[in-house]
Amino acid sequence: MKNEIIFMVEESIEGGFEAKALGYSIFTQAETMELLKQMVLDAVNCHFNPEDKPKTIRLHFVKDEVVAV
């Protein structure tokens, strides 16, 4: 059992947010950040058995910015 699972969170091209788990085949998306948090929790609960479920979910936000030169 791992104590933590990390999700990389990015803004979706279509709008909203996408979250991908690092090291696991878990992906989810939602229109708002509050809904994304619930969707991530639901995805983790579905992916793991209760005894194997991580105790902490970390959301790592990634934002690309382009600067013109």
Protein backbone atom coordinates (compact mmCIF):
# COMPACT_ATOMS: atom_id res chain seq x y z
CA MET A 1 0.00 0.00 0.00
CA LYS A 2 1.27 3.46 -0.90
CA ASN A 3 0.45 6.35 1.39
CA GLU A 4 0.09 8.88 -1.42
CA ILE A 5 -0.97 9.08 -5.04
CA ILE A 6 -0.11 12.08 -7.21
CA PHE A 7 -2.27 13.45 -10.03
CA MET A 8 -0.96 15.85 -12.64
CA VAL A 9 -3.73 18.42 -13.27
CA GLU A 10 -3.90 20.54 -16.43
CA GLU A 11 -6.46 22.81 -17.99
CA SER A 12 -8.26 21.00 -20.80
CA ILE A 13 -8.23 22.39 -24.34
CA GLU A 14 -12.02 21.90 -24.42
CA GLY A 15 -12.42 23.71 -21.09
CA GLY A 16 -12.36 22.42 -17.53
CA PHE A 17 -9.59 20.27 -16.11
CA GLU A 18 -7.93 16.89 -16.68
CA ALA A 19 -6.16 14.80 -14.04
CA LYS A 20 -3.77 11.91 -14.71
CA ALA A 21 -2.33 9.72 -11.97
CA LEU A 22 1.44 9.28 -12.04
CA GLY A 23 2.32 5.59 -12.13
CA TYR A 24 -1.27 4.36 -12.45
CA SER A 25 -3.78 4.06 -15.28
CA ILE A 26 -6.21 6.56 -13.77
CA PHE A 27 -7.57 9.54 -15.72
CA THR A 28 -10.52 11.81 -15.08
CA GLN A 29 -11.82 15.21 -16.11
CA ALA A 30 -14.37 17.78 -14.94
CA GLU A 31 -15.63 21.27 -15.72
CA THR A 32 -14.74 22.82 -12.32
CA MET A 33 -11.98 22.30 -9.80
CA GLU A 34 -14.43 21.28 -7.07
CA LEU A 35 -15.97 18.65 -9.34
CA LEU A 36 -12.51 17.47 -10.40
CA LYS A 37 -11.57 16.82 -6.77
CA GLN A 38 -14.67 14.66 -6.36
CA MET A 39 -13.99 12.84 -9.66
CA VAL A 40 -10.37 12.13 -8.60
CA LEU A 41 -11.58 10.74 -5.27
CA ASP A 42 -14.18 8.57 -7.02
CA ALA A 43 -11.56 7.31 -9.51
CA VAL A 44 -9.15 6.37 -6.72
CA ASN A 45 -11.93 4.60 -4.81
CA CYS A 46 -12.83 2.61 -7.95
CA HIS A 47 -9.23 1.75 -8.83
CA PHE A 48 -8.04 0.43 -5.46
CA ASN A 49 -9.35 -2.13 -3.02
CA PRO A 50 -10.09 -0.50 0.35
CA GLU A 51 -7.03 -2.07 2.00
CA ASP A 52 -4.71 -0.89 -0.81
CA LYS A 53 -6.07 2.63 -1.24
CA PRO A 54 -3.59 5.49 -0.67
CA LYS A 55 -4.25 7.67 2.37
CA THR A 56 -3.46 10.95 0.56
CA ILE A 57 -4.21 12.31 -2.89
CA ARG A 58 -1.91 15.07 -4.11
CA LEU A 59 -2.96 17.30 -7.01
CA HIS A 60 0.01 18.78 -8.87
CA PHE A 61 -1.09 21.67 -11.07
CA VAL A 62 0.74 22.21 -14.36
CA LYS A 63 0.22 25.38 -16.36
CA ASP A 64 2.05 26.24 -19.54
CA GLU A 65 2.52 29.87 -20.42
CA VAL A 66 3.92 31.15 -23.68
CA VAL A 67 5.87 34.38 -23.82
CA ALA A 68 6.34 36.01 -27.22
CA VAL A 69 9.86 37.12 -28.08
